[in-house]
Amino acid sequence: MAQKNQPSVSGFSVYQDKHGRDVYYDFITKNGYLILESNAGQFSLYQKRFIIPLIVFALLLNYRIGSFYFDIYIAALAAIIVLVGLEFLFRFRFLRSLTVIPNFRPERKTSYLEQINETNEKNVLLIKALLYLLFGVLLAVYAFMKEITELELIIMLIISVVICIYGIIYFVALAKRKK
């Protein structure tokens, strides 16, 4: 089988085997799971399974339905439910639908920046970097403008910093990109 030039997915725990196929390595089961181009989009969604609950949390803290206001406990509970649900779907539905490579040993490990560069075009990297930074900064500005408790402000600022870090990672990947 010929090796392919570009991976269809990237991220943490994603490697290529000796045939050039994308494989997700699960540290819990010590198995590899073959990721085909047909299920790469679904895999990309599940890779964000730890970020999506943060977004749900931030949105619920700032959402009102009439006079009902989601407090920090309800928002945290909803985020935990989303996290557990996504992890359950990932482990017990999605991974089971993939081809298992038992006792997979990662052979070709590339850095996260290299993976980002391999799977994104230059313009896409720039747009993602700018949008992540813009969203992070706007979220921080919104948190300061809104009348919220100190704990909610700290949580919103932590989420904002995490989002900005993603933007910086994309800028660094763009800077290290080979022409």
N, C-alpha and C. Protein backbone atom coordinates (compact mmCIF):
# COMPACT_ATOMS: atom_id res chain seq x y z
N MET A 1 0.84 -1.17 0.00
CA MET A 1 0.00 0.00 0.00
C MET A 1 0.89 1.24 0.00
N ALA A 2 0.57 2.19 -0.83
CA ALA A 2 1.39 3.40 -0.94
C ALA A 2 1.08 4.34 0.21
N GLN A 3 2.09 5.04 0.66
CA GLN A 3 1.89 5.99 1.73
C GLN A 3 1.24 7.25 1.17
N LYS A 4 0.33 7.80 1.95
CA LYS A 4 -0.31 9.03 1.50
C LYS A 4 0.51 10.22 1.95
N ASN A 5 0.32 11.33 1.29
CA ASN A 5 1.13 12.50 1.57
C ASN A 5 0.64 13.30 2.77
N GLN A 6 -0.67 13.43 2.92
CA GLN A 6 -1.22 14.24 3.98
C GLN A 6 -2.15 13.42 4.84
N PRO A 7 -2.09 13.61 6.17
CA PRO A 7 -3.07 12.95 7.02
C PRO A 7 -4.42 13.63 6.87
N SER A 8 -5.50 12.86 7.10
CA SER A 8 -6.83 13.45 7.00
C SER A 8 -7.26 14.06 8.33
N VAL A 9 -6.60 13.66 9.44
CA VAL A 9 -6.88 14.22 10.76
C VAL A 9 -5.57 14.52 11.45
N SER A 10 -5.65 15.36 12.46
CA SER A 10 -4.45 15.66 13.25
C SER A 10 -4.87 15.84 14.69
N GLY A 11 -3.90 15.91 15.56
CA GLY A 11 -4.20 16.16 16.96
C GLY A 11 -3.41 15.26 17.87
N PHE A 12 -3.71 15.38 19.14
CA PHE A 12 -3.05 14.57 20.13
C PHE A 12 -3.48 13.11 19.96
N SER A 13 -2.57 12.21 20.12
CA SER A 13 -2.80 10.76 20.04
C SER A 13 -3.14 10.29 18.64
N VAL A 14 -2.86 11.08 17.62
CA VAL A 14 -3.07 10.65 16.24
C VAL A 14 -1.70 10.43 15.62
N TYR A 15 -1.50 9.24 15.09
CA TYR A 15 -0.23 8.85 14.50
C TYR A 15 -0.48 8.27 13.13
N GLN A 16 0.59 8.00 12.43
CA GLN A 16 0.49 7.28 11.17
C GLN A 16 1.20 5.94 11.34
N ASP A 17 0.59 4.90 10.80
CA ASP A 17 1.24 3.59 10.88
C ASP A 17 2.21 3.43 9.72
N LYS A 18 2.81 2.25 9.59
CA LYS A 18 3.81 2.04 8.55
C LYS A 18 3.24 2.09 7.15
N HIS A 19 1.91 2.05 7.03
CA HIS A 19 1.26 2.14 5.71
C HIS A 19 0.80 3.56 5.41
N GLY A 20 1.08 4.50 6.32
CA GLY A 20 0.69 5.89 6.10
C GLY A 20 -0.75 6.19 6.46
N ARG A 21 -1.40 5.28 7.18
CA ARG A 21 -2.80 5.49 7.56
C ARG A 21 -2.86 6.20 8.91
N ASP A 22 -3.90 7.00 9.09
CA ASP A 22 -4.11 7.71 10.34
C ASP A 22 -4.66 6.75 11.39
N VAL A 23 -4.04 6.77 12.57
CA VAL A 23 -4.45 5.88 13.65
C VAL A 23 -4.56 6.69 14.93
N TYR A 24 -5.70 6.55 15.61
CA TYR A 24 -5.87 7.15 16.92
C TYR A 24 -5.40 6.14 17.95
N TYR A 25 -4.47 6.55 18.81
CA TYR A 25 -3.95 5.66 19.83
C TYR A 25 -4.63 5.99 21.16
N ASP A 26 -5.34 5.02 21.71
CA ASP A 26 -6.04 5.18 22.97
C ASP A 26 -5.14 4.70 24.09
N PHE A 27 -4.71 5.61 24.95
CA PHE A 27 -3.80 5.27 26.04
C PHE A 27 -4.47 4.38 27.09
N ILE A 28 -5.78 4.41 27.16
CA ILE A 28 -6.49 3.60 28.16
C ILE A 28 -6.50 2.14 27.75
N THR A 29 -6.89 1.86 26.51
CA THR A 29 -6.98 0.46 26.06
C THR A 29 -5.70 -0.04 25.40
N LYS A 30 -4.77 0.87 25.12
CA LYS A 30 -3.50 0.54 24.45
C LYS A 30 -3.73 -0.02 23.04
N ASN A 31 -4.85 0.36 22.44
CA ASN A 31 -5.17 -0.07 21.08
C ASN A 31 -5.11 1.13 20.14
N GLY A 32 -4.91 0.83 18.88
CA GLY A 32 -5.00 1.84 17.85
C GLY A 32 -6.33 1.68 17.13
N TYR A 33 -6.86 2.77 16.63
CA TYR A 33 -8.11 2.75 15.90
C TYR A 33 -7.89 3.45 14.57
N LEU A 34 -8.13 2.73 13.49
CA LEU A 34 -7.89 3.22 12.14
C LEU A 34 -8.94 4.27 11.79
N ILE A 35 -8.48 5.45 11.40
CA ILE A 35 -9.38 6.54 11.04
C ILE A 35 -9.34 6.70 9.53
N LEU A 36 -10.45 6.45 8.90
CA LEU A 36 -10.56 6.60 7.45
C LEU A 36 -11.02 8.01 7.12
N GLU A 37 -10.84 8.41 5.88
CA GLU A 37 -11.28 9.75 5.48
C GLU A 37 -12.79 9.90 5.62
N SER A 38 -13.53 8.81 5.51
CA SER A 38 -14.98 8.87 5.61
C SER A 38 -15.45 9.21 7.03
N ASN A 39 -14.67 8.88 8.04
CA ASN A 39 -15.09 9.22 9.40
C ASN A 39 -14.17 10.26 10.06
N ALA A 40 -13.37 10.95 9.27
CA ALA A 40 -12.45 11.97 9.80
C ALA A 40 -13.21 13.16 10.37
N GLY A 41 -14.30 13.55 9.76
CA GLY A 41 -15.09 14.68 10.27
C GLY A 41 -15.70 14.38 11.62
N GLN A 42 -16.22 13.18 11.76
CA GLN A 42 -16.80 12.76 13.03
C GLN A 42 -15.71 12.68 14.11
N PHE A 43 -14.53 12.18 13.73
CA PHE A 43 -13.43 12.12 14.68
C PHE A 43 -13.00 13.51 15.13
N SER A 44 -12.96 14.45 14.20
CA SER A 44 -12.58 15.82 14.54
C SER A 44 -13.55 16.43 15.56
N LEU A 45 -14.84 16.11 15.43
CA LEU A 45 -15.82 16.59 16.41
C LEU A 45 -15.53 15.98 17.78
N TYR A 46 -15.27 14.69 17.82
CA TYR A 46 -15.01 14.04 19.10
C TYR A 46 -13.69 14.48 19.71
N GLN A 47 -12.75 14.93 18.90
CA GLN A 47 -11.50 15.45 19.46
C GLN A 47 -11.75 16.71 20.28
N LYS A 48 -12.80 17.40 19.97
CA LYS A 48 -13.14 18.63 20.69
C LYS A 48 -14.06 18.36 21.87
N ARG A 49 -14.14 17.11 22.30
CA ARG A 49 -15.07 16.73 23.36
C ARG A 49 -14.73 17.33 24.72
N PHE A 50 -13.55 17.87 24.88
CA PHE A 50 -13.20 18.54 26.13
C PHE A 50 -13.38 20.05 26.04
N ILE A 51 -13.39 20.58 24.84
CA ILE A 51 -13.58 22.02 24.64
C ILE A 51 -15.07 22.37 24.58
N ILE A 52 -15.87 21.50 23.98
CA ILE A 52 -17.31 21.77 23.82
C ILE A 52 -18.00 22.01 25.16
N PRO A 53 -17.72 21.22 26.22
CA PRO A 53 -18.35 21.53 27.51
C PRO A 53 -17.97 22.90 28.06
N LEU A 54 -16.74 23.36 27.80
CA LEU A 54 -16.36 24.70 28.23
C LEU A 54 -17.19 25.76 27.52
N ILE A 55 -17.42 25.53 26.24
CA ILE A 55 -18.23 26.48 25.46
C ILE A 55 -19.67 26.47 25.97
N VAL A 56 -20.21 25.28 26.24
CA VAL A 56 -21.57 25.16 26.79
C VAL A 56 -21.65 25.91 28.12
N PHE A 57 -20.64 25.72 28.96
CA PHE A 57 -20.60 26.38 30.26
C PHE A 57 -20.61 27.90 30.09
N ALA A 58 -19.75 28.40 29.24
CA ALA A 58 -19.66 29.85 29.03
C ALA A 58 -20.96 30.41 28.46
N LEU A 59 -21.56 29.69 27.53
CA LEU A 59 -22.80 30.18 26.93
C LEU A 59 -23.95 30.19 27.94
N LEU A 60 -24.05 29.13 28.74
CA LEU A 60 -25.15 29.06 29.70
C LEU A 60 -25.01 30.10 30.81
N LEU A 61 -23.78 30.43 31.17
CA LEU A 61 -23.59 31.47 32.18
C LEU A 61 -24.12 32.81 31.70
N ASN A 62 -24.17 32.98 30.41
CA ASN A 62 -24.55 34.28 29.84
C ASN A 62 -25.89 34.24 29.12
N TYR A 63 -26.70 33.23 29.38
CA TYR A 63 -27.96 33.07 28.66
C TYR A 63 -29.13 33.19 29.64
N ARG A 64 -30.14 33.91 29.22
CA ARG A 64 -31.36 34.04 30.03
C ARG A 64 -32.56 33.63 29.18
N ILE A 65 -33.49 32.96 29.83
CA ILE A 65 -34.77 32.64 29.19
C ILE A 65 -35.82 33.39 29.99
N GLY A 66 -36.26 34.48 29.44
CA GLY A 66 -37.19 35.33 30.18
C GLY A 66 -36.53 35.85 31.44
N SER A 67 -37.10 35.51 32.59
CA SER A 67 -36.50 35.94 33.85
C SER A 67 -35.62 34.85 34.46
N PHE A 68 -35.54 33.69 33.79
CA PHE A 68 -34.72 32.59 34.31
C PHE A 68 -33.27 32.79 33.90
N TYR A 69 -32.41 32.70 34.88
CA TYR A 69 -30.97 32.90 34.68
C TYR A 69 -30.26 31.61 35.09
N PHE A 70 -29.39 31.12 34.23
CA PHE A 70 -28.61 29.93 34.56
C PHE A 70 -27.50 30.33 35.52
N ASP A 71 -27.52 29.80 36.73
CA ASP A 71 -26.43 30.13 37.64
C ASP A 71 -25.25 29.19 37.38
N ILE A 72 -24.19 29.39 38.13
CA ILE A 72 -22.94 28.68 37.88
C ILE A 72 -23.10 27.17 38.08
N TYR A 73 -23.96 26.77 39.01
CA TYR A 73 -24.13 25.35 39.29
C TYR A 73 -24.87 24.62 38.17
N ILE A 74 -25.89 25.27 37.65
CA ILE A 74 -26.63 24.67 36.53
C ILE A 74 -25.75 24.61 35.29
N ALA A 75 -25.00 25.68 35.04
CA ALA A 75 -24.10 25.70 33.88
C ALA A 75 -23.03 24.63 34.01
N ALA A 76 -22.47 24.47 35.22
CA ALA A 76 -21.45 23.44 35.45
C ALA A 76 -22.04 22.05 35.29
N LEU A 77 -23.24 21.83 35.81
CA LEU A 77 -23.89 20.53 35.67
C LEU A 77 -24.15 20.21 34.20
N ALA A 78 -24.62 21.19 33.44
CA ALA A 78 -24.86 20.97 32.01
C ALA A 78 -23.56 20.66 31.28
N ALA A 79 -22.48 21.36 31.63
CA ALA A 79 -21.18 21.10 31.00
C ALA A 79 -20.68 19.70 31.33
N ILE A 80 -20.87 19.27 32.57
CA ILE A 80 -20.46 17.91 32.97
C ILE A 80 -21.28 16.87 32.23
N ILE A 81 -22.57 17.10 32.09
CA ILE A 81 -23.43 16.17 31.36
C ILE A 81 -22.99 16.08 29.89
N VAL A 82 -22.67 17.21 29.29
CA VAL A 82 -22.19 17.21 27.90
C VAL A 82 -20.88 16.46 27.80
N LEU A 83 -19.96 16.70 28.74
CA LEU A 83 -18.67 16.02 28.73
C LEU A 83 -18.83 14.51 28.86
N VAL A 84 -19.62 14.07 29.81
CA VAL A 84 -19.84 12.63 30.02
C VAL A 84 -20.53 12.03 28.79
N GLY A 85 -21.51 12.73 28.25
CA GLY A 85 -22.21 12.23 27.07
C GLY A 85 -21.29 12.09 25.86
N LEU A 86 -20.47 13.10 25.61
CA LEU A 86 -19.54 13.03 24.48
C LEU A 86 -18.50 11.93 24.68
N GLU A 87 -17.99 11.79 25.89
CA GLU A 87 -17.00 10.75 26.16
C GLU A 87 -17.62 9.37 25.99
N PHE A 88 -18.85 9.20 26.45
CA PHE A 88 -19.56 7.93 26.28
C PHE A 88 -19.75 7.61 24.80
N LEU A 89 -20.23 8.59 24.03
CA LEU A 89 -20.44 8.38 22.60
C LEU A 89 -19.12 8.07 21.89
N PHE A 90 -18.06 8.77 22.29
CA PHE A 90 -16.76 8.54 21.67
C PHE A 90 -16.25 7.13 21.95
N ARG A 91 -16.27 6.73 23.22
CA ARG A 91 -15.68 5.44 23.60
C ARG A 91 -16.55 4.25 23.23
N PHE A 92 -17.86 4.35 23.44
CA PHE A 92 -18.71 3.19 23.29
C PHE A 92 -19.50 3.14 21.98
N ARG A 93 -19.42 4.18 21.21
CA ARG A 93 -20.11 4.15 19.92
C ARG A 93 -19.14 4.36 18.76
N PHE A 94 -18.41 5.47 18.80
CA PHE A 94 -17.55 5.81 17.68
C PHE A 94 -16.34 4.87 17.59
N LEU A 95 -15.60 4.72 18.68
CA LEU A 95 -14.41 3.87 18.64
C LEU A 95 -14.74 2.42 18.29
N ARG A 96 -15.88 1.97 18.75
CA ARG A 96 -16.28 0.58 18.43
C ARG A 96 -16.63 0.40 16.96
N SER A 97 -16.93 1.50 16.27
CA SER A 97 -17.24 1.41 14.84
C SER A 97 -15.98 1.41 13.97
N LEU A 98 -14.82 1.69 14.58
CA LEU A 98 -13.57 1.74 13.83
C LEU A 98 -12.85 0.40 13.86
N THR A 99 -11.95 0.21 12.92
CA THR A 99 -11.12 -0.99 12.89
C THR A 99 -10.07 -0.88 13.99
N VAL A 100 -9.99 -1.92 14.82
CA VAL A 100 -9.08 -1.92 15.96
C VAL A 100 -7.75 -2.53 15.55
N ILE A 101 -6.67 -1.88 15.98
CA ILE A 101 -5.33 -2.42 15.80
C ILE A 101 -4.82 -2.73 17.21
N PRO A 102 -4.91 -4.01 17.64
CA PRO A 102 -4.53 -4.34 19.01
C PRO A 102 -3.05 -4.09 19.27
N ASN A 103 -2.74 -3.65 20.48
CA ASN A 103 -1.37 -3.39 20.93
C ASN A 103 -0.60 -2.52 19.94
N PHE A 104 -1.24 -1.49 19.45
CA PHE A 104 -0.62 -0.58 18.49
C PHE A 104 0.55 0.15 19.14
N ARG A 105 1.66 0.20 18.44
CA ARG A 105 2.83 0.95 18.88
C ARG A 105 3.06 2.09 17.89
N PRO A 106 2.88 3.32 18.35
CA PRO A 106 3.08 4.46 17.44
C PRO A 106 4.49 4.47 16.86
N GLU A 107 4.57 4.55 15.54
CA GLU A 107 5.87 4.54 14.87
C GLU A 107 6.31 5.94 14.48
N ARG A 108 5.43 6.67 13.88
CA ARG A 108 5.78 8.01 13.40
C ARG A 108 5.05 9.04 14.23
N LYS A 109 5.78 9.68 15.11
CA LYS A 109 5.18 10.70 15.95
C LYS A 109 5.58 12.07 15.41
N THR A 110 4.58 12.85 15.08
CA THR A 110 4.83 14.21 14.63
C THR A 110 4.30 15.17 15.68
N SER A 111 4.88 16.33 15.76
CA SER A 111 4.43 17.30 16.75
C SER A 111 3.04 17.83 16.37
N TYR A 112 2.39 18.41 17.35
CA TYR A 112 1.06 18.96 17.12
C TYR A 112 1.11 20.08 16.08
N LEU A 113 2.17 20.89 16.11
CA LEU A 113 2.31 21.96 15.12
C LEU A 113 2.48 21.41 13.72
N GLU A 114 3.26 20.33 13.58
CA GLU A 114 3.43 19.71 12.26
C GLU A 114 2.10 19.15 11.75
N GLN A 115 1.34 18.54 12.66
CA GLN A 115 0.05 17.99 12.26
C GLN A 115 -0.91 19.09 11.82
N ILE A 116 -0.90 20.20 12.53
CA ILE A 116 -1.75 21.33 12.14
C ILE A 116 -1.35 21.82 10.76
N ASN A 117 -0.05 21.95 10.52
CA ASN A 117 0.43 22.43 9.23
C ASN A 117 0.10 21.46 8.10
N GLU A 118 0.16 20.16 8.38
CA GLU A 118 -0.10 19.17 7.33
C GLU A 118 -1.57 19.12 6.93
N THR A 119 -2.46 19.42 7.87
CA THR A 119 -3.88 19.27 7.58
C THR A 119 -4.61 20.57 7.25
N ASN A 120 -3.91 21.69 7.32
CA ASN A 120 -4.54 22.98 7.03
C ASN A 120 -3.73 23.76 6.01
N GLU A 121 -4.44 24.46 5.15
CA GLU A 121 -3.78 25.36 4.21
C GLU A 121 -3.38 26.63 4.95
N LYS A 122 -2.49 27.39 4.33
CA LYS A 122 -1.96 28.60 4.96
C LYS A 122 -3.07 29.59 5.30
N ASN A 123 -3.99 29.81 4.39
CA ASN A 123 -5.08 30.75 4.63
C ASN A 123 -5.99 30.28 5.77
N VAL A 124 -6.23 28.98 5.83
CA VAL A 124 -7.08 28.42 6.88
C VAL A 124 -6.41 28.60 8.24
N LEU A 125 -5.10 28.38 8.30
CA LEU A 125 -4.37 28.59 9.55
C LEU A 125 -4.51 30.03 10.04
N LEU A 126 -4.35 30.97 9.13
CA LEU A 126 -4.45 32.39 9.49
C LEU A 126 -5.86 32.72 9.98
N ILE A 127 -6.87 32.24 9.29
CA ILE A 127 -8.25 32.53 9.68
C ILE A 127 -8.56 31.91 11.04
N LYS A 128 -8.15 30.66 11.25
CA LYS A 128 -8.39 30.02 12.54
C LYS A 128 -7.67 30.76 13.66
N ALA A 129 -6.44 31.15 13.44
CA ALA A 129 -5.68 31.86 14.46
C ALA A 129 -6.37 33.17 14.82
N LEU A 130 -6.77 33.93 13.81
CA LEU A 130 -7.43 35.22 14.07
C LEU A 130 -8.78 35.04 14.76
N LEU A 131 -9.55 34.05 14.33
CA LEU A 131 -10.87 33.84 14.94
C LEU A 131 -10.76 33.37 16.39
N TYR A 132 -9.82 32.47 16.67
CA TYR A 132 -9.63 32.03 18.05
C TYR A 132 -9.23 33.21 18.94
N LEU A 133 -8.28 34.00 18.48
CA LEU A 133 -7.84 35.15 19.27
C LEU A 133 -8.98 36.16 19.45
N LEU A 134 -9.69 36.44 18.38
CA LEU A 134 -10.79 37.39 18.46
C LEU A 134 -11.87 36.91 19.42
N PHE A 135 -12.23 35.64 19.33
CA PHE A 135 -13.25 35.09 20.22
C PHE A 135 -12.78 35.14 21.68
N GLY A 136 -11.52 34.78 21.92
CA GLY A 136 -10.99 34.81 23.29
C GLY A 136 -10.98 36.21 23.87
N VAL A 137 -10.55 37.18 23.09
CA VAL A 137 -10.51 38.56 23.56
C VAL A 137 -11.93 39.10 23.77
N LEU A 138 -12.82 38.85 22.83
CA LEU A 138 -14.20 39.32 22.99
C LEU A 138 -14.89 38.69 24.19
N LEU A 139 -14.60 37.42 24.45
CA LEU A 139 -15.18 36.75 25.61
C LEU A 139 -14.68 37.39 26.90
N ALA A 140 -13.40 37.75 26.95
CA ALA A 140 -12.85 38.42 28.13
C ALA A 140 -13.47 39.80 28.31
N VAL A 141 -13.60 40.55 27.23
CA VAL A 141 -14.21 41.88 27.30
C VAL A 141 -15.66 41.76 27.77
N TYR A 142 -16.37 40.80 27.24
CA TYR A 142 -17.77 40.58 27.63
C TYR A 142 -17.86 40.22 29.11
N ALA A 143 -16.94 39.40 29.58
CA ALA A 143 -16.95 39.00 30.99
C ALA A 143 -16.75 40.21 31.90
N PHE A 144 -15.88 41.13 31.50
CA PHE A 144 -15.66 42.33 32.33
C PHE A 144 -16.85 43.28 32.27
N MET A 145 -17.55 43.32 31.15
CA MET A 145 -18.67 44.23 31.00
C MET A 145 -19.93 43.73 31.70
N LYS A 146 -20.05 42.45 31.84
CA LYS A 146 -21.24 41.86 32.43
C LYS A 146 -21.10 41.86 33.95
N GLU A 147 -22.20 42.08 34.63
CA GLU A 147 -22.18 42.05 36.08
C GLU A 147 -22.31 40.61 36.56
N ILE A 148 -21.18 39.99 36.87
CA ILE A 148 -21.15 38.61 37.33
C ILE A 148 -20.29 38.50 38.58
N THR A 149 -20.40 37.39 39.26
CA THR A 149 -19.61 37.19 40.47
C THR A 149 -18.14 37.02 40.12
N GLU A 150 -17.30 37.12 41.14
CA GLU A 150 -15.86 36.97 40.91
C GLU A 150 -15.52 35.58 40.39
N LEU A 151 -16.18 34.56 40.94
CA LEU A 151 -15.92 33.18 40.50
C LEU A 151 -16.28 33.01 39.03
N GLU A 152 -17.42 33.53 38.64
CA GLU A 152 -17.83 33.45 37.23
C GLU A 152 -16.85 34.21 36.34
N LEU A 153 -16.38 35.36 36.81
CA LEU A 153 -15.41 36.14 36.04
C LEU A 153 -14.11 35.37 35.87
N ILE A 154 -13.64 34.74 36.92
CA ILE A 154 -12.41 33.96 36.84
C ILE A 154 -12.57 32.81 35.86
N ILE A 155 -13.70 32.12 35.94
CA ILE A 155 -13.95 30.99 35.03
C ILE A 155 -14.00 31.46 33.59
N MET A 156 -14.70 32.58 33.35
CA MET A 156 -14.79 33.11 31.98
C MET A 156 -13.41 33.53 31.47
N LEU A 157 -12.59 34.10 32.35
CA LEU A 157 -11.25 34.51 31.93
C LEU A 157 -10.36 33.29 31.64
N ILE A 158 -10.52 32.23 32.40
CA ILE A 158 -9.75 31.00 32.14
C ILE A 158 -10.14 30.44 30.78
N ILE A 159 -11.43 30.40 30.51
CA ILE A 159 -11.90 29.92 29.21
C ILE A 159 -11.36 30.81 28.10
N SER A 160 -11.37 32.11 28.32
CA SER A 160 -10.85 33.06 27.33
C SER A 160 -9.37 32.83 27.07
N VAL A 161 -8.59 32.59 28.12
CA VAL A 161 -7.16 32.34 27.96
C VAL A 161 -6.92 31.06 27.18
N VAL A 162 -7.69 30.01 27.47
CA VAL A 162 -7.54 28.74 26.74
C VAL A 162 -7.82 28.94 25.26
N ILE A 163 -8.86 29.69 24.95
CA ILE A 163 -9.20 29.96 23.55
C ILE A 163 -8.09 30.77 22.88
N CYS A 164 -7.55 31.76 23.57
CA CYS A 164 -6.46 32.56 23.01
C CYS A 164 -5.20 31.72 22.80
N ILE A 165 -4.95 30.76 23.68
CA ILE A 165 -3.80 29.87 23.51
C ILE A 165 -3.93 29.08 22.21
N TYR A 166 -5.14 28.62 21.90
CA TYR A 166 -5.35 27.93 20.63
C TYR A 166 -5.02 28.86 19.46
N GLY A 167 -5.43 30.11 19.55
CA GLY A 167 -5.10 31.07 18.49
C GLY A 167 -3.60 31.26 18.35
N ILE A 168 -2.90 31.35 19.46
CA ILE A 168 -1.45 31.50 19.43
C ILE A 168 -0.79 30.26 18.84
N ILE A 169 -1.31 29.08 19.18
CA ILE A 169 -0.77 27.84 18.61
C ILE A 169 -0.88 27.86 17.09
N TYR A 170 -2.00 28.32 16.57
CA TYR A 170 -2.17 28.39 15.12
C TYR A 170 -1.23 29.43 14.50
N PHE A 171 -0.99 30.55 15.19
CA PHE A 171 -0.02 31.53 14.69
C PHE A 171 1.39 30.95 14.67
N VAL A 172 1.76 30.21 15.73
CA VAL A 172 3.08 29.58 15.79
C VAL A 172 3.21 28.54 14.67
N ALA A 173 2.15 27.77 14.44
CA ALA A 173 2.18 26.78 13.35
C ALA A 173 2.36 27.49 12.01
N LEU A 174 1.68 28.61 11.85
CA LEU A 174 1.81 29.38 10.61
C LEU A 174 3.23 29.91 10.45
N ALA A 175 3.83 30.37 11.53
CA ALA A 175 5.19 30.91 11.48
C ALA A 175 6.22 29.81 11.17
N LYS A 176 5.98 28.60 11.66
CA LYS A 176 6.91 27.50 11.43
C LYS A 176 6.63 26.74 10.14
N ARG A 177 5.62 27.17 9.43
CA ARG A 177 5.22 26.47 8.20
C ARG A 177 6.32 26.56 7.16
N LYS A 178 6.59 25.43 6.54
CA LYS A 178 7.56 25.40 5.45
C LYS A 178 6.88 25.86 4.19
N LYS A 179 7.56 26.70 3.44
CA LYS A 179 6.92 27.26 2.24
C LYS A 179 6.90 26.31 1.09
